[in-house]
Every structure is written in C-alpha cells, then in structure tokens.
Amino acid sequence: MSAEDTLAVCMLLVLLIAAATVMTILFSVMRNAGKQDDLAELLKDDEPSTEVESEPAGQPWERDADWWRD
C-alpha cells in the first residue's frame, strides 16, 4: 500500500465516521421529536393565568392615580 492509498483510506474512514455521527444524531432527533417531556407538563401548571385580576386598592395612605383631576 502506497502513501497515496493510505491517505485515501484514512480520508474515507474519517468521512464514514462523520456520516455515522450525523446519522446517529438525526436518528435520535427523529425518534424523540414526538415525545412530550415530563418536565414540560410540570412547568405548564406554573404558567400565569390569562384571567384579568383586579388590582388591589392599595394602602390607605396612597392616593388614587388621578387625584389631581378632582
């Protein structure tokens, strides 16, 4: 085997390993794409509600925001 053949075989080996790595990553992504994460279910309960809550009246010593209009 000459030096040129060794270089070509090593290059093919590196390309094969790179292709196998990419295929493994793609396979794992495609396999897990449809799964719902358990942690996402737990965090979904912690989302703030979309209902409008009435603001508290404030402290007795605070004035209304439009006190100067009266």
PDB file of N, CA and C in Angstrom:
ATOM      1  N   MET A   1       0.848  -1.175   0.000  1.00  0.00           N
ATOM      2  CA  MET A   1       0.000   0.000   0.000  1.00  0.00           C
ATOM      3  C   MET A   1       0.895   1.240   0.000  1.00  0.00           C
ATOM      4  N   SER A   2       0.652   2.123  -0.917  1.00  0.00           N
ATOM      5  CA  SER A   2       1.495   3.310  -1.019  1.00  0.00           C
ATOM      6  C   SER A   2       0.972   4.413  -0.100  1.00  0.00           C
ATOM      7  N   ALA A   3       1.712   5.487  -0.008  1.00  0.00           N
ATOM      8  CA  ALA A   3       1.346   6.608   0.862  1.00  0.00           C
ATOM      9  C   ALA A   3       0.060   7.266   0.369  1.00  0.00           C
ATOM     10  N   GLU A   4      -0.113   7.326  -0.955  1.00  0.00           N
ATOM     11  CA  GLU A   4      -1.331   7.923  -1.503  1.00  0.00           C
ATOM     12  C   GLU A   4      -2.561   7.092  -1.172  1.00  0.00           C
ATOM     13  N   ASP A   5      -2.408   5.773  -1.195  1.00  0.00           N
ATOM     14  CA  ASP A   5      -3.521   4.891  -0.857  1.00  0.00           C
ATOM     15  C   ASP A   5      -3.882   5.010   0.624  1.00  0.00           C
ATOM     16  N   THR A   6      -2.889   5.140   1.472  1.00  0.00           N
ATOM     17  CA  THR A   6      -3.129   5.286   2.907  1.00  0.00           C
ATOM     18  C   THR A   6      -3.894   6.584   3.183  1.00  0.00           C
ATOM     19  N   LEU A   7      -3.511   7.642   2.511  1.00  0.00           N
ATOM     20  CA  LEU A   7      -4.200   8.916   2.680  1.00  0.00           C
ATOM     21  C   LEU A   7      -5.662   8.795   2.252  1.00  0.00           C
ATOM     22  N   ALA A   8      -5.924   8.149   1.132  1.00  0.00           N
ATOM     23  CA  ALA A   8      -7.291   7.992   0.641  1.00  0.00           C
ATOM     24  C   ALA A   8      -8.119   7.124   1.586  1.00  0.00           C
ATOM     25  N   VAL A   9      -7.549   6.065   2.109  1.00  0.00           N
ATOM     26  CA  VAL A   9      -8.272   5.185   3.035  1.00  0.00           C
ATOM     27  C   VAL A   9      -8.574   5.926   4.333  1.00  0.00           C
ATOM     28  N   CYS A  10      -7.627   6.685   4.830  1.00  0.00           N
ATOM     29  CA  CYS A  10      -7.859   7.463   6.062  1.00  0.00           C
ATOM     30  C   CYS A  10      -8.931   8.516   5.842  1.00  0.00           C
ATOM     31  N   MET A  11      -8.937   9.156   4.687  1.00  0.00           N
ATOM     32  CA  MET A  11      -9.944  10.166   4.382  1.00  0.00           C
ATOM     33  C   MET A  11     -11.330   9.518   4.293  1.00  0.00           C
ATOM     34  N   LEU A  12     -11.415   8.356   3.668  1.00  0.00           N
ATOM     35  CA  LEU A  12     -12.695   7.648   3.596  1.00  0.00           C
ATOM     36  C   LEU A  12     -13.173   7.221   4.979  1.00  0.00           C
ATOM     37  N   LEU A  13     -12.239   6.812   5.834  1.00  0.00           N
ATOM     38  CA  LEU A  13     -12.588   6.420   7.197  1.00  0.00           C
ATOM     39  C   LEU A  13     -13.129   7.615   7.990  1.00  0.00           C
ATOM     40  N   VAL A  14     -12.490   8.763   7.843  1.00  0.00           N
ATOM     41  CA  VAL A  14     -12.956   9.971   8.535  1.00  0.00           C
ATOM     42  C   VAL A  14     -14.335  10.375   8.023  1.00  0.00           C
ATOM     43  N   LEU A  15     -14.554  10.314   6.724  1.00  0.00           N
ATOM     44  CA  LEU A  15     -15.867  10.643   6.159  1.00  0.00           C
ATOM     45  C   LEU A  15     -16.929   9.664   6.628  1.00  0.00           C
ATOM     46  N   LEU A  16     -16.590   8.395   6.744  1.00  0.00           N
ATOM     47  CA  LEU A  16     -17.542   7.388   7.229  1.00  0.00           C
ATOM     48  C   LEU A  16     -17.923   7.649   8.685  1.00  0.00           C
ATOM     49  N   ILE A  17     -16.938   7.993   9.498  1.00  0.00           N
ATOM     50  CA  ILE A  17     -17.225   8.298  10.911  1.00  0.00           C
ATOM     51  C   ILE A  17     -18.080   9.559  11.017  1.00  0.00           C
ATOM     52  N   ALA A  18     -17.805  10.571  10.216  1.00  0.00           N
ATOM     53  CA  ALA A  18     -18.595  11.801  10.250  1.00  0.00           C
ATOM     54  C   ALA A  18     -20.031  11.533   9.807  1.00  0.00           C
ATOM     55  N   ALA A  19     -20.207  10.740   8.753  1.00  0.00           N
ATOM     56  CA  ALA A  19     -21.552  10.413   8.280  1.00  0.00           C
ATOM     57  C   ALA A  19     -22.314   9.596   9.316  1.00  0.00           C
ATOM     58  N   ALA A  20     -21.638   8.677   9.979  1.00  0.00           N
ATOM     59  CA  ALA A  20     -22.281   7.867  11.015  1.00  0.00           C
ATOM     60  C   ALA A  20     -22.699   8.745  12.200  1.00  0.00           C
ATOM     61  N   THR A  21     -21.881   9.730  12.547  1.00  0.00           N
ATOM     62  CA  THR A  21     -22.224  10.642  13.640  1.00  0.00           C
ATOM     63  C   THR A  21     -23.460  11.471  13.299  1.00  0.00           C
ATOM     64  N   VAL A  22     -23.495  12.007  12.092  1.00  0.00           N
ATOM     65  CA  VAL A  22     -24.647  12.804  11.665  1.00  0.00           C
ATOM     66  C   VAL A  22     -25.903  11.945  11.610  1.00  0.00           C
ATOM     67  N   MET A  23     -25.800  10.725  11.109  1.00  0.00           N
ATOM     68  CA  MET A  23     -26.958   9.835  11.032  1.00  0.00           C
ATOM     69  C   MET A  23     -27.459   9.463  12.429  1.00  0.00           C
ATOM     70  N   THR A  24     -26.543   9.249  13.360  1.00  0.00           N
ATOM     71  CA  THR A  24     -26.942   8.940  14.733  1.00  0.00           C
ATOM     72  C   THR A  24     -27.691  10.108  15.370  1.00  0.00           C
ATOM     73  N   ILE A  25     -27.196  11.312  15.156  1.00  0.00           N
ATOM     74  CA  ILE A  25     -27.863  12.498  15.708  1.00  0.00           C
ATOM     75  C   ILE A  25     -29.246  12.660  15.082  1.00  0.00           C
ATOM     76  N   LEU A  26     -29.339  12.520  13.768  1.00  0.00           N
ATOM     77  CA  LEU A  26     -30.637  12.656  13.101  1.00  0.00           C
ATOM     78  C   LEU A  26     -31.614  11.573  13.553  1.00  0.00           C
ATOM     79  N   PHE A  27     -31.130  10.343  13.718  1.00  0.00           N
ATOM     80  CA  PHE A  27     -31.996   9.263  14.184  1.00  0.00           C
ATOM     81  C   PHE A  27     -32.529   9.555  15.579  1.00  0.00           C
ATOM     82  N   SER A  28     -31.661  10.041  16.440  1.00  0.00           N
ATOM     83  CA  SER A  28     -32.092  10.334  17.808  1.00  0.00           C
ATOM     84  C   SER A  28     -33.078  11.498  17.843  1.00  0.00           C
ATOM     85  N   VAL A  29     -32.882  12.514  17.006  1.00  0.00           N
ATOM     86  CA  VAL A  29     -33.801  13.652  16.956  1.00  0.00           C
ATOM     87  C   VAL A  29     -35.156  13.212  16.421  1.00  0.00           C
ATOM     88  N   MET A  30     -35.165  12.407  15.382  1.00  0.00           N
ATOM     89  CA  MET A  30     -36.429  11.951  14.794  1.00  0.00           C
ATOM     90  C   MET A  30     -37.183  11.030  15.756  1.00  0.00           C
ATOM     91  N   ARG A  31     -36.458  10.234  16.511  1.00  0.00           N
ATOM     92  CA  ARG A  31     -37.100   9.310  17.442  1.00  0.00           C
ATOM     93  C   ARG A  31     -37.741  10.050  18.613  1.00  0.00           C
ATOM     94  N   ASN A  32     -37.108  11.121  19.051  1.00  0.00           N
ATOM     95  CA  ASN A  32     -37.601  11.842  20.232  1.00  0.00           C
ATOM     96  C   ASN A  32     -38.431  13.066  19.882  1.00  0.00           C
ATOM     97  N   ALA A  33     -38.673  13.306  18.613  1.00  0.00           N
ATOM     98  CA  ALA A  33     -39.378  14.528  18.206  1.00  0.00           C
ATOM     99  C   ALA A  33     -40.824  14.536  18.687  1.00  0.00           C
ATOM    100  N   GLY A  34     -41.495  13.410  18.720  1.00  0.00           N
ATOM    101  CA  GLY A  34     -42.895  13.377  19.091  1.00  0.00           C
ATOM    102  C   GLY A  34     -43.155  13.231  20.572  1.00  0.00           C
ATOM    103  N   LYS A  35     -42.122  12.971  21.349  1.00  0.00           N
ATOM    104  CA  LYS A  35     -42.316  12.746  22.780  1.00  0.00           C
ATOM    105  C   LYS A  35     -42.514  14.057  23.516  1.00  0.00           C
ATOM    106  N   GLN A  36     -43.431  14.050  24.467  1.00  0.00           N
ATOM    107  CA  GLN A  36     -43.663  15.206  25.332  1.00  0.00           C
ATOM    108  C   GLN A  36     -42.799  15.031  26.573  1.00  0.00           C
ATOM    109  N   ASP A  37     -42.101  16.050  26.944  1.00  0.00           N
ATOM    110  CA  ASP A  37     -41.224  15.994  28.098  1.00  0.00           C
ATOM    111  C   ASP A  37     -42.053  16.035  29.382  1.00  0.00           C
ATOM    112  N   ASP A  38     -41.681  15.206  30.361  1.00  0.00           N
ATOM    113  CA  ASP A  38     -42.400  15.191  31.643  1.00  0.00           C
ATOM    114  C   ASP A  38     -42.235  16.515  32.374  1.00  0.00           C
ATOM    115  N   LEU A  39     -41.075  17.121  32.256  1.00  0.00           N
ATOM    116  CA  LEU A  39     -40.848  18.387  32.919  1.00  0.00           C
ATOM    117  C   LEU A  39     -41.712  19.488  32.312  1.00  0.00           C
ATOM    118  N   ALA A  40     -41.986  19.403  31.024  1.00  0.00           N
ATOM    119  CA  ALA A  40     -42.841  20.404  30.385  1.00  0.00           C
ATOM    120  C   ALA A  40     -44.254  20.347  30.953  1.00  0.00           C
ATOM    121  N   GLU A  41     -44.729  19.165  31.273  1.00  0.00           N
ATOM    122  CA  GLU A  41     -46.057  19.033  31.891  1.00  0.00           C
ATOM    123  C   GLU A  41     -46.084  19.684  33.267  1.00  0.00           C
ATOM    124  N   LEU A  42     -45.013  19.514  34.026  1.00  0.00           N
ATOM    125  CA  LEU A  42     -44.966  20.123  35.354  1.00  0.00           C
ATOM    126  C   LEU A  42     -44.880  21.645  35.259  1.00  0.00           C
ATOM    127  N   LEU A  43     -44.131  22.138  34.285  1.00  0.00           N
ATOM    128  CA  LEU A  43     -43.988  23.588  34.149  1.00  0.00           C
ATOM    129  C   LEU A  43     -45.225  24.235  33.558  1.00  0.00           C
ATOM    130  N   LYS A  44     -46.025  23.465  32.827  1.00  0.00           N
ATOM    131  CA  LYS A  44     -47.232  24.019  32.229  1.00  0.00           C
ATOM    132  C   LYS A  44     -48.212  24.477  33.306  1.00  0.00           C
ATOM    133  N   ASP A  45     -48.213  23.796  34.452  1.00  0.00           N
ATOM    134  CA  ASP A  45     -49.105  24.170  35.545  1.00  0.00           C
ATOM    135  C   ASP A  45     -48.668  25.484  36.198  1.00  0.00           C
ATOM    136  N   ASP A  46     -47.398  25.839  36.072  1.00  0.00           N
ATOM    137  CA  ASP A  46     -46.878  27.047  36.714  1.00  0.00           C
ATOM    138  C   ASP A  46     -47.047  28.297  35.864  1.00  0.00           C
ATOM    139  N   GLU A  47     -47.607  28.184  34.676  1.00  0.00           N
ATOM    140  CA  GLU A  47     -47.776  29.357  33.827  1.00  0.00           C
ATOM    141  C   GLU A  47     -48.794  30.305  34.451  1.00  0.00           C
ATOM    142  N   PRO A  48     -48.559  31.603  34.329  1.00  0.00           N
ATOM    143  CA  PRO A  48     -49.509  32.555  34.916  1.00  0.00           C
ATOM    144  C   PRO A  48     -50.849  32.486  34.192  1.00  0.00           C
ATOM    145  N   SER A  49     -51.888  32.714  34.940  1.00  0.00           N
ATOM    146  CA  SER A  49     -53.220  32.649  34.350  1.00  0.00           C
ATOM    147  C   SER A  49     -53.446  33.844  33.430  1.00  0.00           C
ATOM    148  N   THR A  50     -54.305  33.661  32.449  1.00  0.00           N
ATOM    149  CA  THR A  50     -54.587  34.737  31.496  1.00  0.00           C
ATOM    150  C   THR A  50     -55.784  35.566  31.931  1.00  0.00           C
ATOM    151  N   GLU A  51     -56.377  35.221  33.052  1.00  0.00           N
ATOM    152  CA  GLU A  51     -57.517  35.979  33.549  1.00  0.00           C
ATOM    153  C   GLU A  51     -57.048  37.324  34.098  1.00  0.00           C
ATOM    154  N   VAL A  52     -57.861  38.331  33.905  1.00  0.00           N
ATOM    155  CA  VAL A  52     -57.532  39.664  34.410  1.00  0.00           C
ATOM    156  C   VAL A  52     -57.934  39.718  35.874  1.00  0.00           C
ATOM    157  N   GLU A  53     -56.961  40.022  36.704  1.00  0.00           N
ATOM    158  CA  GLU A  53     -57.233  40.113  38.135  1.00  0.00           C
ATOM    159  C   GLU A  53     -57.383  41.581  38.500  1.00  0.00           C
ATOM    160  N   SER A  54     -58.287  41.843  39.421  1.00  0.00           N
ATOM    161  CA  SER A  54     -58.467  43.229  39.852  1.00  0.00           C
ATOM    162  C   SER A  54     -57.261  43.649  40.688  1.00  0.00           C
ATOM    163  N   GLU A  55     -56.842  44.877  40.484  1.00  0.00           N
ATOM    164  CA  GLU A  55     -55.702  45.371  41.231  1.00  0.00           C
ATOM    165  C   GLU A  55     -56.133  45.688  42.658  1.00  0.00           C
ATOM    166  N   PRO A  56     -55.263  45.471  43.594  1.00  0.00           N
ATOM    167  CA  PRO A  56     -55.622  45.787  44.981  1.00  0.00           C
ATOM    168  C   PRO A  56     -55.815  47.288  45.164  1.00  0.00           C
ATOM    169  N   ALA A  57     -56.610  47.635  46.127  1.00  0.00           N
ATOM    170  CA  ALA A  57     -56.938  49.041  46.364  1.00  0.00           C
ATOM    171  C   ALA A  57     -55.726  49.828  46.838  1.00  0.00           C
ATOM    172  N   GLY A  58     -54.724  49.165  47.339  1.00  0.00           N
ATOM    173  CA  GLY A  58     -53.536  49.866  47.816  1.00  0.00           C
ATOM    174  C   GLY A  58     -53.630  50.133  49.304  1.00  0.00           C
ATOM    175  N   GLN A  59     -52.665  50.827  49.783  1.00  0.00           N
ATOM    176  CA  GLN A  59     -52.614  51.151  51.198  1.00  0.00           C
ATOM    177  C   GLN A  59     -53.492  52.368  51.464  1.00  0.00           C
ATOM    178  N   PRO A  60     -53.987  52.515  52.697  1.00  0.00           N
ATOM    179  CA  PRO A  60     -54.894  53.623  52.999  1.00  0.00           C
ATOM    180  C   PRO A  60     -54.261  55.004  52.807  1.00  0.00           C
ATOM    181  N   TRP A  61     -52.957  55.129  52.917  1.00  0.00           N
ATOM    182  CA  TRP A  61     -52.325  56.429  52.774  1.00  0.00           C
ATOM    183  C   TRP A  61     -51.997  56.787  51.326  1.00  0.00           C
ATOM    184  N   GLU A  62     -52.223  55.864  50.389  1.00  0.00           N
ATOM    185  CA  GLU A  62     -51.931  56.147  48.990  1.00  0.00           C
ATOM    186  C   GLU A  62     -53.116  56.848  48.325  1.00  0.00           C
ATOM    187  N   ARG A  63     -52.831  57.772  47.433  1.00  0.00           N
ATOM    188  CA  ARG A  63     -53.866  58.479  46.691  1.00  0.00           C
ATOM    189  C   ARG A  63     -54.161  57.730  45.398  1.00  0.00           C
ATOM    190  N   ASP A  64     -55.307  58.006  44.818  1.00  0.00           N
ATOM    191  CA  ASP A  64     -55.620  57.457  43.510  1.00  0.00           C
ATOM    192  C   ASP A  64     -54.684  58.063  42.477  1.00  0.00           C
ATOM    193  N   ALA A  65     -54.551  57.405  41.353  1.00  0.00           N
ATOM    194  CA  ALA A  65     -53.640  57.877  40.313  1.00  0.00           C
ATOM    195  C   ALA A  65     -54.095  59.197  39.712  1.00  0.00           C
ATOM    196  N   ASP A  66     -55.394  59.463  39.694  1.00  0.00           N
ATOM    197  CA  ASP A  66     -55.897  60.701  39.092  1.00  0.00           C
ATOM    198  C   ASP A  66     -56.436  61.657  40.179  1.00  0.00           C
ATOM    199  N   TRP A  67     -55.773  61.770  41.289  1.00  0.00           N
ATOM    200  CA  TRP A  67     -56.236  62.601  42.395  1.00  0.00           C
ATOM    201  C   TRP A  67     -56.247  64.073  42.009  1.00  0.00           C
ATOM    202  N   TRP A  68     -55.375  64.476  41.089  1.00  0.00           N
ATOM    203  CA  TRP A  68     -55.265  65.882  40.736  1.00  0.00           C
ATOM    204  C   TRP A  68     -56.389  66.355  39.818  1.00  0.00           C
ATOM    205  N   ARG A  69     -57.145  65.444  39.260  1.00  0.00           N
ATOM    206  CA  ARG A  69     -58.237  65.829  38.352  1.00  0.00           C
ATOM    207  C   ARG A  69     -59.487  66.274  39.104  1.00  0.00           C
ATOM    208  N   ASP A  70     -59.616  65.940  40.342  1.00  0.00           N
ATOM    209  CA  ASP A  70     -60.836  66.293  41.094  1.00  0.00           C
ATOM    210  C   ASP A  70     -60.939  67.746  41.419  1.00  0.00           C
TER     211      ASP A  70
END
